[in-house]
Amino acid sequence: MIKIGITGGIGSGKSTVCKVFKVLDVPVFEADLVARQLMNSDAKVRIQLIELFGSSVYLPDQTVDRKFLSEIVFNNPTFLANLNSIVHPAVLNAFEDWCENQQSPYILHEAAILFESGFYKLMDKIIVVATNEQERIQRVMKRDKTSEELVRQRIRNQWTDEQRIKLADFVINNNDNELIIPQILNIDKKIRVHG
């Protein structure tokens, strides 16, 4: 089975692209979603997060307080690195277990920080979803109902499209003036035919 990493900056449209791949019967491992689930449900991860950030990291309903956590880690590289050192190994284990249950010619591993986390090294090919920064900012402001400054802070903690594209096997341009479905179909065909 071929493992394809798919990444892009916040607001690039990775989730939309992955929905199209799902329609093509390509299984998609959503690393960011799995990470959030593990922070809520994995006892070992929960204990480590409380040790690192205090009990305030969880809301009264026992789900992680994402706003609290993001305010801490997006302004402190050490805390971000510590958070990643807790969550990434758990996500890797979940990914390996998930892969064992797939029967497709190829799968997608979707992650916002595929390169930053080092997960890209485990992939056979990489797809980058690229979008100009102003469109990304507008999408995230609308989606998350947040300020431009907070979105820019999050962007600064991620690689740039230029950095990602240098390591990509395929690039999907997801700007308002470009159709993504023909690009996705072309990539799907190439992977199925050539691997």
N, C-alpha and C. Protein backbone atom coordinates (compact mmCIF):
# COMPACT_ATOMS: atom_id res chain seq x y z
N MET A 1 0.84 -1.19 0.00
CA MET A 1 0.00 0.00 0.00
C MET A 1 0.88 1.24 0.00
N ILE A 2 0.54 2.17 -0.86
CA ILE A 2 1.31 3.40 -0.98
C ILE A 2 0.77 4.41 0.05
N LYS A 3 1.69 5.03 0.79
CA LYS A 3 1.32 6.03 1.80
C LYS A 3 1.62 7.41 1.24
N ILE A 4 0.56 8.20 1.13
CA ILE A 4 0.68 9.55 0.58
C ILE A 4 0.39 10.56 1.68
N GLY A 5 1.34 11.44 1.96
CA GLY A 5 1.10 12.52 2.91
C GLY A 5 0.44 13.68 2.18
N ILE A 6 -0.52 14.30 2.82
CA ILE A 6 -1.15 15.49 2.24
C ILE A 6 -1.13 16.59 3.29
N THR A 7 -0.62 17.75 2.90
CA THR A 7 -0.47 18.84 3.85
C THR A 7 -0.68 20.17 3.15
N GLY A 8 -0.71 21.20 3.95
CA GLY A 8 -0.88 22.57 3.47
C GLY A 8 -1.07 23.43 4.69
N GLY A 9 -0.87 24.70 4.54
CA GLY A 9 -1.02 25.60 5.67
C GLY A 9 -2.45 25.72 6.14
N ILE A 10 -2.62 26.30 7.30
CA ILE A 10 -3.95 26.53 7.85
C ILE A 10 -4.78 27.31 6.82
N GLY A 11 -5.99 26.83 6.58
CA GLY A 11 -6.88 27.50 5.63
C GLY A 11 -6.60 27.21 4.17
N SER A 12 -5.72 26.24 3.90
CA SER A 12 -5.37 25.96 2.49
C SER A 12 -6.46 25.15 1.78
N GLY A 13 -7.28 24.46 2.54
CA GLY A 13 -8.33 23.64 1.93
C GLY A 13 -8.02 22.16 1.91
N LYS A 14 -7.11 21.71 2.78
CA LYS A 14 -6.77 20.29 2.85
C LYS A 14 -8.00 19.42 3.06
N SER A 15 -8.87 19.83 3.96
CA SER A 15 -10.05 19.02 4.28
C SER A 15 -10.96 18.88 3.07
N THR A 16 -11.13 19.95 2.33
CA THR A 16 -11.97 19.91 1.12
C THR A 16 -11.36 18.96 0.10
N VAL A 17 -10.06 19.05 -0.09
CA VAL A 17 -9.36 18.17 -1.03
C VAL A 17 -9.52 16.72 -0.59
N CYS A 18 -9.38 16.46 0.69
CA CYS A 18 -9.50 15.09 1.21
C CYS A 18 -10.91 14.54 1.01
N LYS A 19 -11.92 15.40 1.11
CA LYS A 19 -13.30 14.94 0.86
C LYS A 19 -13.44 14.41 -0.56
N VAL A 20 -12.78 15.06 -1.50
CA VAL A 20 -12.84 14.60 -2.90
C VAL A 20 -12.13 13.25 -3.03
N PHE A 21 -10.98 13.11 -2.40
CA PHE A 21 -10.28 11.82 -2.44
C PHE A 21 -11.15 10.72 -1.82
N LYS A 22 -11.88 11.04 -0.74
CA LYS A 22 -12.76 10.04 -0.12
C LYS A 22 -13.84 9.58 -1.09
N VAL A 23 -14.36 10.51 -1.89
CA VAL A 23 -15.35 10.16 -2.91
C VAL A 23 -14.75 9.16 -3.91
N LEU A 24 -13.44 9.25 -4.12
CA LEU A 24 -12.73 8.33 -5.02
C LEU A 24 -12.34 7.03 -4.31
N ASP A 25 -12.89 6.82 -3.11
CA ASP A 25 -12.63 5.62 -2.29
C ASP A 25 -11.19 5.52 -1.80
N VAL A 26 -10.58 6.65 -1.54
CA VAL A 26 -9.24 6.67 -0.96
C VAL A 26 -9.40 6.90 0.55
N PRO A 27 -8.92 5.96 1.37
CA PRO A 27 -9.01 6.16 2.82
C PRO A 27 -8.12 7.33 3.26
N VAL A 28 -8.63 8.14 4.18
CA VAL A 28 -7.90 9.31 4.66
C VAL A 28 -7.76 9.24 6.17
N PHE A 29 -6.51 9.26 6.63
CA PHE A 29 -6.21 9.34 8.06
C PHE A 29 -6.05 10.82 8.39
N GLU A 30 -6.95 11.34 9.22
CA GLU A 30 -6.94 12.77 9.56
C GLU A 30 -6.16 12.95 10.86
N ALA A 31 -4.86 13.21 10.72
CA ALA A 31 -3.96 13.24 11.88
C ALA A 31 -4.36 14.31 12.90
N ASP A 32 -4.79 15.47 12.44
CA ASP A 32 -5.14 16.54 13.37
C ASP A 32 -6.38 16.16 14.19
N LEU A 33 -7.35 15.55 13.54
CA LEU A 33 -8.56 15.09 14.24
C LEU A 33 -8.21 13.98 15.23
N VAL A 34 -7.37 13.03 14.79
CA VAL A 34 -6.96 11.94 15.67
C VAL A 34 -6.19 12.49 16.88
N ALA A 35 -5.34 13.49 16.65
CA ALA A 35 -4.59 14.10 17.76
C ALA A 35 -5.55 14.69 18.79
N ARG A 36 -6.58 15.40 18.31
CA ARG A 36 -7.56 15.98 19.24
C ARG A 36 -8.29 14.87 20.01
N GLN A 37 -8.66 13.79 19.31
CA GLN A 37 -9.36 12.68 19.98
C GLN A 37 -8.47 12.04 21.04
N LEU A 38 -7.19 11.86 20.70
CA LEU A 38 -6.26 11.24 21.66
C LEU A 38 -6.06 12.13 22.89
N MET A 39 -6.03 13.45 22.69
CA MET A 39 -5.87 14.36 23.84
C MET A 39 -7.07 14.24 24.78
N ASN A 40 -8.23 13.88 24.21
CA ASN A 40 -9.43 13.73 25.03
C ASN A 40 -9.58 12.35 25.64
N SER A 41 -9.09 11.31 24.95
CA SER A 41 -9.45 9.95 25.35
C SER A 41 -8.28 9.08 25.82
N ASP A 42 -7.06 9.38 25.42
CA ASP A 42 -5.93 8.52 25.77
C ASP A 42 -5.42 8.90 27.16
N ALA A 43 -5.51 7.95 28.10
CA ALA A 43 -5.16 8.25 29.51
C ALA A 43 -3.71 8.73 29.65
N LYS A 44 -2.79 8.10 28.95
CA LYS A 44 -1.38 8.48 29.05
C LYS A 44 -1.16 9.91 28.54
N VAL A 45 -1.79 10.24 27.43
CA VAL A 45 -1.67 11.60 26.86
C VAL A 45 -2.27 12.61 27.83
N ARG A 46 -3.43 12.29 28.38
CA ARG A 46 -4.11 13.20 29.33
C ARG A 46 -3.21 13.51 30.53
N ILE A 47 -2.63 12.47 31.11
CA ILE A 47 -1.77 12.65 32.29
C ILE A 47 -0.59 13.56 31.94
N GLN A 48 0.04 13.31 30.80
CA GLN A 48 1.20 14.11 30.40
C GLN A 48 0.81 15.57 30.14
N LEU A 49 -0.35 15.79 29.53
CA LEU A 49 -0.79 17.17 29.28
C LEU A 49 -1.06 17.92 30.59
N ILE A 50 -1.68 17.23 31.54
CA ILE A 50 -1.95 17.86 32.84
C ILE A 50 -0.64 18.16 33.57
N GLU A 51 0.33 17.25 33.48
CA GLU A 51 1.63 17.49 34.12
C GLU A 51 2.32 18.71 33.51
N LEU A 52 2.16 18.88 32.20
CA LEU A 52 2.84 19.96 31.50
C LEU A 52 2.11 21.30 31.63
N PHE A 53 0.78 21.29 31.48
CA PHE A 53 0.03 22.54 31.41
C PHE A 53 -0.88 22.81 32.60
N GLY A 54 -1.01 21.84 33.50
CA GLY A 54 -1.92 22.01 34.63
C GLY A 54 -3.32 21.52 34.28
N SER A 55 -4.16 21.39 35.30
CA SER A 55 -5.50 20.84 35.09
C SER A 55 -6.40 21.76 34.26
N SER A 56 -6.01 23.03 34.12
CA SER A 56 -6.79 23.97 33.31
C SER A 56 -6.79 23.62 31.83
N VAL A 57 -5.93 22.68 31.43
CA VAL A 57 -5.87 22.28 30.03
C VAL A 57 -7.15 21.53 29.62
N TYR A 58 -7.90 21.05 30.63
CA TYR A 58 -9.17 20.36 30.34
C TYR A 58 -10.35 21.17 30.85
N LEU A 59 -11.41 21.18 30.06
CA LEU A 59 -12.66 21.86 30.42
C LEU A 59 -13.43 20.99 31.42
N PRO A 60 -14.46 21.55 32.05
CA PRO A 60 -15.25 20.75 33.01
C PRO A 60 -15.82 19.46 32.40
N ASP A 61 -16.09 19.45 31.07
CA ASP A 61 -16.61 18.23 30.44
C ASP A 61 -15.51 17.23 30.09
N GLN A 62 -14.27 17.52 30.54
CA GLN A 62 -13.10 16.65 30.37
C GLN A 62 -12.57 16.59 28.94
N THR A 63 -12.96 17.56 28.11
CA THR A 63 -12.33 17.68 26.79
C THR A 63 -11.25 18.75 26.88
N VAL A 64 -10.25 18.61 26.03
CA VAL A 64 -9.14 19.55 26.07
C VAL A 64 -9.65 20.96 25.73
N ASP A 65 -9.15 21.95 26.43
CA ASP A 65 -9.49 23.35 26.18
C ASP A 65 -8.57 23.85 25.07
N ARG A 66 -9.02 23.71 23.84
CA ARG A 66 -8.17 24.02 22.68
C ARG A 66 -7.77 25.50 22.64
N LYS A 67 -8.68 26.37 23.06
CA LYS A 67 -8.36 27.81 23.06
C LYS A 67 -7.24 28.09 24.06
N PHE A 68 -7.36 27.56 25.27
CA PHE A 68 -6.35 27.71 26.31
C PHE A 68 -5.00 27.17 25.82
N LEU A 69 -5.04 25.97 25.25
CA LEU A 69 -3.82 25.32 24.79
C LEU A 69 -3.16 26.09 23.66
N SER A 70 -3.95 26.53 22.69
CA SER A 70 -3.36 27.24 21.55
C SER A 70 -2.77 28.59 21.96
N GLU A 71 -3.39 29.25 22.92
CA GLU A 71 -2.84 30.53 23.40
C GLU A 71 -1.46 30.33 24.04
N ILE A 72 -1.27 29.19 24.67
CA ILE A 72 0.03 28.90 25.30
C ILE A 72 1.06 28.50 24.24
N VAL A 73 0.73 27.51 23.44
CA VAL A 73 1.75 26.92 22.57
C VAL A 73 2.10 27.75 21.35
N PHE A 74 1.16 28.54 20.83
CA PHE A 74 1.47 29.30 19.62
C PHE A 74 2.38 30.50 19.91
N ASN A 75 2.58 30.82 21.17
CA ASN A 75 3.48 31.91 21.52
C ASN A 75 4.73 31.42 22.25
N ASN A 76 4.86 30.12 22.38
CA ASN A 76 5.99 29.57 23.13
C ASN A 76 6.51 28.31 22.44
N PRO A 77 7.59 28.43 21.68
CA PRO A 77 8.11 27.28 20.93
C PRO A 77 8.47 26.08 21.81
N THR A 78 8.90 26.33 23.05
CA THR A 78 9.24 25.22 23.96
C THR A 78 8.00 24.43 24.33
N PHE A 79 6.92 25.13 24.69
CA PHE A 79 5.67 24.45 25.02
C PHE A 79 5.12 23.70 23.80
N LEU A 80 5.25 24.32 22.62
CA LEU A 80 4.78 23.66 21.40
C LEU A 80 5.56 22.37 21.16
N ALA A 81 6.88 22.43 21.33
CA ALA A 81 7.71 21.24 21.15
C ALA A 81 7.35 20.16 22.17
N ASN A 82 7.09 20.57 23.41
CA ASN A 82 6.70 19.62 24.45
C ASN A 82 5.35 18.97 24.14
N LEU A 83 4.39 19.79 23.68
CA LEU A 83 3.08 19.26 23.30
C LEU A 83 3.25 18.23 22.18
N ASN A 84 4.04 18.58 21.17
CA ASN A 84 4.25 17.67 20.05
C ASN A 84 4.92 16.37 20.49
N SER A 85 5.84 16.46 21.45
CA SER A 85 6.54 15.26 21.91
C SER A 85 5.60 14.31 22.65
N ILE A 86 4.49 14.83 23.14
CA ILE A 86 3.48 14.00 23.80
C ILE A 86 2.51 13.42 22.77
N VAL A 87 2.04 14.27 21.87
CA VAL A 87 0.95 13.88 20.96
C VAL A 87 1.45 13.09 19.75
N HIS A 88 2.58 13.47 19.17
CA HIS A 88 3.03 12.82 17.92
C HIS A 88 3.24 11.31 18.05
N PRO A 89 3.89 10.81 19.11
CA PRO A 89 4.04 9.36 19.20
C PRO A 89 2.70 8.63 19.27
N ALA A 90 1.74 9.22 19.96
CA ALA A 90 0.41 8.60 20.06
C ALA A 90 -0.28 8.58 18.69
N VAL A 91 -0.12 9.66 17.94
CA VAL A 91 -0.71 9.73 16.59
C VAL A 91 -0.04 8.70 15.68
N LEU A 92 1.27 8.57 15.78
CA LEU A 92 1.99 7.59 14.96
C LEU A 92 1.49 6.17 15.24
N ASN A 93 1.31 5.83 16.49
CA ASN A 93 0.77 4.50 16.84
C ASN A 93 -0.62 4.31 16.25
N ALA A 94 -1.46 5.34 16.35
CA ALA A 94 -2.82 5.25 15.81
C ALA A 94 -2.78 5.09 14.29
N PHE A 95 -1.86 5.79 13.63
CA PHE A 95 -1.72 5.70 12.17
C PHE A 95 -1.30 4.29 11.76
N GLU A 96 -0.32 3.74 12.45
CA GLU A 96 0.15 2.40 12.11
C GLU A 96 -0.96 1.37 12.29
N ASP A 97 -1.72 1.48 13.37
CA ASP A 97 -2.85 0.57 13.59
C ASP A 97 -3.89 0.72 12.49
N TRP A 98 -4.17 1.97 12.12
CA TRP A 98 -5.17 2.27 11.08
C TRP A 98 -4.74 1.68 9.75
N CYS A 99 -3.46 1.83 9.40
CA CYS A 99 -2.95 1.32 8.11
C CYS A 99 -3.15 -0.18 7.97
N GLU A 100 -3.01 -0.90 9.07
CA GLU A 100 -3.16 -2.36 9.04
C GLU A 100 -4.56 -2.79 8.63
N ASN A 101 -5.54 -1.89 8.77
CA ASN A 101 -6.93 -2.22 8.45
C ASN A 101 -7.40 -1.68 7.10
N GLN A 102 -6.49 -1.15 6.30
CA GLN A 102 -6.87 -0.58 5.00
C GLN A 102 -6.58 -1.56 3.87
N GLN A 103 -7.46 -1.54 2.87
CA GLN A 103 -7.33 -2.46 1.73
C GLN A 103 -7.24 -1.71 0.41
N SER A 104 -6.78 -0.50 0.42
CA SER A 104 -6.78 0.36 -0.77
C SER A 104 -5.39 0.35 -1.42
N PRO A 105 -5.32 0.64 -2.74
CA PRO A 105 -4.00 0.74 -3.37
C PRO A 105 -3.13 1.82 -2.73
N TYR A 106 -3.79 2.89 -2.25
CA TYR A 106 -3.05 3.92 -1.53
C TYR A 106 -3.94 4.60 -0.51
N ILE A 107 -3.30 5.21 0.48
CA ILE A 107 -4.03 5.93 1.53
C ILE A 107 -3.44 7.34 1.62
N LEU A 108 -4.21 8.23 2.23
CA LEU A 108 -3.73 9.59 2.50
C LEU A 108 -3.58 9.78 4.00
N HIS A 109 -2.49 10.43 4.37
CA HIS A 109 -2.25 10.84 5.76
C HIS A 109 -2.29 12.36 5.74
N GLU A 110 -3.41 12.92 6.20
CA GLU A 110 -3.59 14.38 6.19
C GLU A 110 -3.10 14.97 7.50
N ALA A 111 -2.19 15.96 7.40
CA ALA A 111 -1.68 16.62 8.60
C ALA A 111 -1.23 18.03 8.26
N ALA A 112 -1.61 18.97 9.10
CA ALA A 112 -1.21 20.37 8.89
C ALA A 112 0.30 20.52 9.01
N ILE A 113 0.90 19.78 9.93
CA ILE A 113 2.35 19.92 10.17
C ILE A 113 3.08 18.62 9.79
N LEU A 114 2.78 18.12 8.63
CA LEU A 114 3.40 16.88 8.15
C LEU A 114 4.92 16.99 8.12
N PHE A 115 5.44 18.13 7.65
CA PHE A 115 6.89 18.32 7.58
C PHE A 115 7.47 18.64 8.95
N GLU A 116 6.83 19.56 9.65
CA GLU A 116 7.34 19.98 10.95
C GLU A 116 7.42 18.81 11.94
N SER A 117 6.48 17.87 11.83
CA SER A 117 6.43 16.73 12.76
C SER A 117 7.40 15.62 12.37
N GLY A 118 7.88 15.65 11.13
CA GLY A 118 8.75 14.58 10.64
C GLY A 118 7.99 13.41 10.04
N PHE A 119 6.64 13.44 10.10
CA PHE A 119 5.84 12.34 9.56
C PHE A 119 6.06 12.17 8.05
N TYR A 120 6.46 13.22 7.36
CA TYR A 120 6.66 13.14 5.91
C TYR A 120 7.69 12.06 5.55
N LYS A 121 8.61 11.78 6.46
CA LYS A 121 9.65 10.77 6.20
C LYS A 121 9.06 9.36 6.09
N LEU A 122 7.86 9.16 6.62
CA LEU A 122 7.21 7.85 6.59
C LEU A 122 6.35 7.67 5.33
N MET A 123 6.25 8.72 4.51
CA MET A 123 5.37 8.69 3.35
C MET A 123 6.14 8.34 2.08
N ASP A 124 5.43 7.72 1.14
CA ASP A 124 6.03 7.40 -0.16
C ASP A 124 5.99 8.60 -1.10
N LYS A 125 4.95 9.40 -1.00
CA LYS A 125 4.78 10.60 -1.82
C LYS A 125 4.12 11.67 -0.96
N ILE A 126 4.27 12.93 -1.42
CA ILE A 126 3.68 14.07 -0.70
C ILE A 126 2.85 14.91 -1.66
N ILE A 127 1.64 15.27 -1.20
CA ILE A 127 0.79 16.23 -1.91
C ILE A 127 0.73 17.48 -1.04
N VAL A 128 0.98 18.63 -1.66
CA VAL A 128 0.84 19.90 -0.96
C VAL A 128 -0.34 20.67 -1.55
N VAL A 129 -1.22 21.13 -0.67
CA VAL A 129 -2.33 22.00 -1.08
C VAL A 129 -1.86 23.42 -0.83
N ALA A 130 -1.71 24.18 -1.91
CA ALA A 130 -1.16 25.53 -1.82
C ALA A 130 -2.25 26.56 -2.12
N THR A 131 -2.26 27.61 -1.33
CA THR A 131 -3.23 28.69 -1.46
C THR A 131 -2.55 29.99 -1.07
N ASN A 132 -2.87 31.08 -1.78
CA ASN A 132 -2.20 32.33 -1.40
C ASN A 132 -2.62 32.73 0.01
N GLU A 133 -1.69 33.40 0.69
CA GLU A 133 -1.85 33.65 2.12
C GLU A 133 -3.08 34.47 2.46
N GLN A 134 -3.41 35.47 1.64
CA GLN A 134 -4.56 36.31 1.97
C GLN A 134 -5.86 35.51 1.93
N GLU A 135 -5.98 34.60 0.97
CA GLU A 135 -7.18 33.74 0.92
C GLU A 135 -7.24 32.85 2.16
N ARG A 136 -6.09 32.31 2.57
CA ARG A 136 -6.05 31.45 3.75
C ARG A 136 -6.50 32.22 4.99
N ILE A 137 -5.99 33.44 5.13
CA ILE A 137 -6.34 34.27 6.30
C ILE A 137 -7.85 34.52 6.33
N GLN A 138 -8.41 34.88 5.19
CA GLN A 138 -9.86 35.17 5.14
C GLN A 138 -10.68 33.92 5.47
N ARG A 139 -10.28 32.77 4.94
CA ARG A 139 -11.00 31.52 5.21
C ARG A 139 -10.99 31.19 6.70
N VAL A 140 -9.81 31.31 7.34
CA VAL A 140 -9.70 30.93 8.75
C VAL A 140 -10.42 31.93 9.65
N MET A 141 -10.34 33.21 9.31
CA MET A 141 -11.06 34.22 10.09
C MET A 141 -12.56 33.92 10.07
N LYS A 142 -13.06 33.58 8.90
CA LYS A 142 -14.49 33.28 8.75
C LYS A 142 -14.84 31.97 9.46
N ARG A 143 -14.03 30.92 9.25
CA ARG A 143 -14.30 29.60 9.82
C ARG A 143 -14.22 29.60 11.34
N ASP A 144 -13.14 30.20 11.89
CA ASP A 144 -12.89 30.15 13.33
C ASP A 144 -13.38 31.38 14.08
N LYS A 145 -13.94 32.34 13.34
CA LYS A 145 -14.41 33.59 13.93
C LYS A 145 -13.33 34.20 14.82
N THR A 146 -12.18 34.42 14.21
CA THR A 146 -11.02 34.92 14.94
C THR A 146 -10.41 36.11 14.22
N SER A 147 -9.43 36.73 14.84
CA SER A 147 -8.82 37.94 14.26
C SER A 147 -7.72 37.59 13.27
N GLU A 148 -7.43 38.55 12.41
CA GLU A 148 -6.36 38.38 11.43
C GLU A 148 -5.02 38.14 12.13
N GLU A 149 -4.77 38.86 13.22
CA GLU A 149 -3.50 38.73 13.93
C GLU A 149 -3.31 37.31 14.48
N LEU A 150 -4.38 36.73 15.06
CA LEU A 150 -4.27 35.36 15.58
C LEU A 150 -4.02 34.36 14.45
N VAL A 151 -4.65 34.58 13.30
CA VAL A 151 -4.41 33.68 12.16
C VAL A 151 -2.97 33.82 11.70
N ARG A 152 -2.47 35.05 11.62
CA ARG A 152 -1.08 35.27 11.20
C ARG A 152 -0.09 34.61 12.17
N GLN A 153 -0.41 34.65 13.46
CA GLN A 153 0.45 33.97 14.45
C GLN A 153 0.53 32.48 14.16
N ARG A 154 -0.61 31.88 13.85
CA ARG A 154 -0.64 30.45 13.57
C ARG A 154 0.13 30.15 12.28
N ILE A 155 -0.01 31.00 11.29
CA ILE A 155 0.72 30.82 10.03
C ILE A 155 2.22 30.88 10.27
N ARG A 156 2.65 31.79 11.14
CA ARG A 156 4.09 31.93 11.42
C ARG A 156 4.69 30.68 12.06
N ASN A 157 3.85 29.86 12.70
CA ASN A 157 4.33 28.62 13.34
C ASN A 157 4.36 27.44 12.38
N GLN A 158 3.97 27.67 11.13
CA GLN A 158 3.98 26.60 10.14
C GLN A 158 4.98 26.93 9.03
N TRP A 159 5.35 25.90 8.28
CA TRP A 159 6.19 26.13 7.11
C TRP A 159 5.42 26.97 6.09
N THR A 160 6.15 27.62 5.20
CA THR A 160 5.53 28.36 4.11
C THR A 160 5.19 27.40 2.97
N ASP A 161 4.31 27.83 2.07
CA ASP A 161 4.01 27.02 0.89
C ASP A 161 5.28 26.75 0.09
N GLU A 162 6.14 27.74 0.00
CA GLU A 162 7.39 27.58 -0.77
C GLU A 162 8.24 26.45 -0.18
N GLN A 163 8.34 26.40 1.15
CA GLN A 163 9.11 25.33 1.81
C GLN A 163 8.47 23.97 1.55
N ARG A 164 7.15 23.91 1.63
CA ARG A 164 6.45 22.64 1.43
C ARG A 164 6.59 22.17 -0.01
N ILE A 165 6.40 23.08 -0.95
CA ILE A 165 6.41 22.71 -2.38
C ILE A 165 7.75 22.12 -2.79
N LYS A 166 8.83 22.60 -2.18
CA LYS A 166 10.17 22.06 -2.51
C LYS A 166 10.26 20.56 -2.26
N LEU A 167 9.48 20.05 -1.29
CA LEU A 167 9.52 18.63 -0.94
C LEU A 167 8.32 17.84 -1.48
N ALA A 168 7.47 18.50 -2.26
CA ALA A 168 6.24 17.86 -2.73
C ALA A 168 6.46 17.07 -4.02
N ASP A 169 5.72 15.98 -4.12
CA ASP A 169 5.65 15.23 -5.38
C ASP A 169 4.53 15.78 -6.26
N PHE A 170 3.47 16.28 -5.60
CA PHE A 170 2.31 16.84 -6.30
C PHE A 170 1.87 18.11 -5.58
N VAL A 171 1.39 19.08 -6.35
CA VAL A 171 0.87 20.32 -5.76
C VAL A 171 -0.54 20.55 -6.30
N ILE A 172 -1.47 20.82 -5.39
CA ILE A 172 -2.83 21.21 -5.77
C ILE A 172 -2.97 22.68 -5.45
N ASN A 173 -3.20 23.49 -6.47
CA ASN A 173 -3.39 24.93 -6.27
C ASN A 173 -4.86 25.16 -5.98
N ASN A 174 -5.14 25.62 -4.76
CA ASN A 174 -6.51 25.81 -4.30
C ASN A 174 -6.80 27.29 -4.09
N ASN A 175 -6.62 28.05 -5.15
CA ASN A 175 -6.99 29.46 -5.12
C ASN A 175 -8.36 29.59 -5.76
N ASP A 176 -9.06 30.67 -5.46
CA ASP A 176 -10.44 30.83 -5.92
C ASP A 176 -10.60 30.70 -7.43
N ASN A 177 -9.54 31.00 -8.18
CA ASN A 177 -9.67 30.99 -9.64
C ASN A 177 -9.23 29.67 -10.28
N GLU A 178 -8.97 28.63 -9.47
CA GLU A 178 -8.52 27.36 -10.02
C GLU A 178 -9.41 26.22 -9.54
N LEU A 179 -9.76 25.32 -10.45
CA LEU A 179 -10.60 24.17 -10.12
C LEU A 179 -9.74 23.07 -9.51
N ILE A 180 -10.17 22.53 -8.36
CA ILE A 180 -9.35 21.51 -7.71
C ILE A 180 -9.67 20.10 -8.19
N ILE A 181 -10.91 19.83 -8.60
CA ILE A 181 -11.28 18.45 -8.95
C ILE A 181 -10.43 17.90 -10.10
N PRO A 182 -10.23 18.64 -11.20
CA PRO A 182 -9.36 18.09 -12.25
C PRO A 182 -7.93 17.81 -11.76
N GLN A 183 -7.42 18.66 -10.87
CA GLN A 183 -6.08 18.43 -10.32
C GLN A 183 -6.04 17.15 -9.49
N ILE A 184 -7.08 16.94 -8.69
CA ILE A 184 -7.15 15.74 -7.84
C ILE A 184 -7.28 14.48 -8.70
N LEU A 185 -8.14 14.53 -9.71
CA LEU A 185 -8.32 13.36 -10.59
C LEU A 185 -7.02 13.00 -11.29
N ASN A 186 -6.27 14.01 -11.69
CA ASN A 186 -5.00 13.78 -12.37
C ASN A 186 -4.00 13.09 -11.42
N ILE A 187 -3.93 13.57 -10.18
CA ILE A 187 -3.03 12.97 -9.19
C ILE A 187 -3.45 11.55 -8.87
N ASP A 188 -4.75 11.35 -8.67
CA ASP A 188 -5.27 10.01 -8.37
C ASP A 188 -4.88 9.03 -9.48
N LYS A 189 -5.05 9.45 -10.72
CA LYS A 189 -4.71 8.58 -11.86
C LYS A 189 -3.22 8.24 -11.87
N LYS A 190 -2.38 9.25 -11.66
CA LYS A 190 -0.93 9.02 -11.65
C LYS A 190 -0.51 8.05 -10.56
N ILE A 191 -1.09 8.20 -9.36
CA ILE A 191 -0.73 7.32 -8.25
C ILE A 191 -1.19 5.89 -8.53
N ARG A 192 -2.41 5.74 -9.04
CA ARG A 192 -2.94 4.40 -9.30
C ARG A 192 -2.16 3.70 -10.41
N VAL A 193 -1.71 4.47 -11.41
CA VAL A 193 -1.00 3.88 -12.56
C VAL A 193 0.48 3.66 -12.27
N HIS A 194 1.12 4.68 -11.69
CA HIS A 194 2.58 4.64 -11.53
C HIS A 194 3.06 4.41 -10.10
N GLY A 195 2.17 4.54 -9.14
CA GLY A 195 2.58 4.36 -7.75
C GLY A 195 3.27 5.56 -7.16
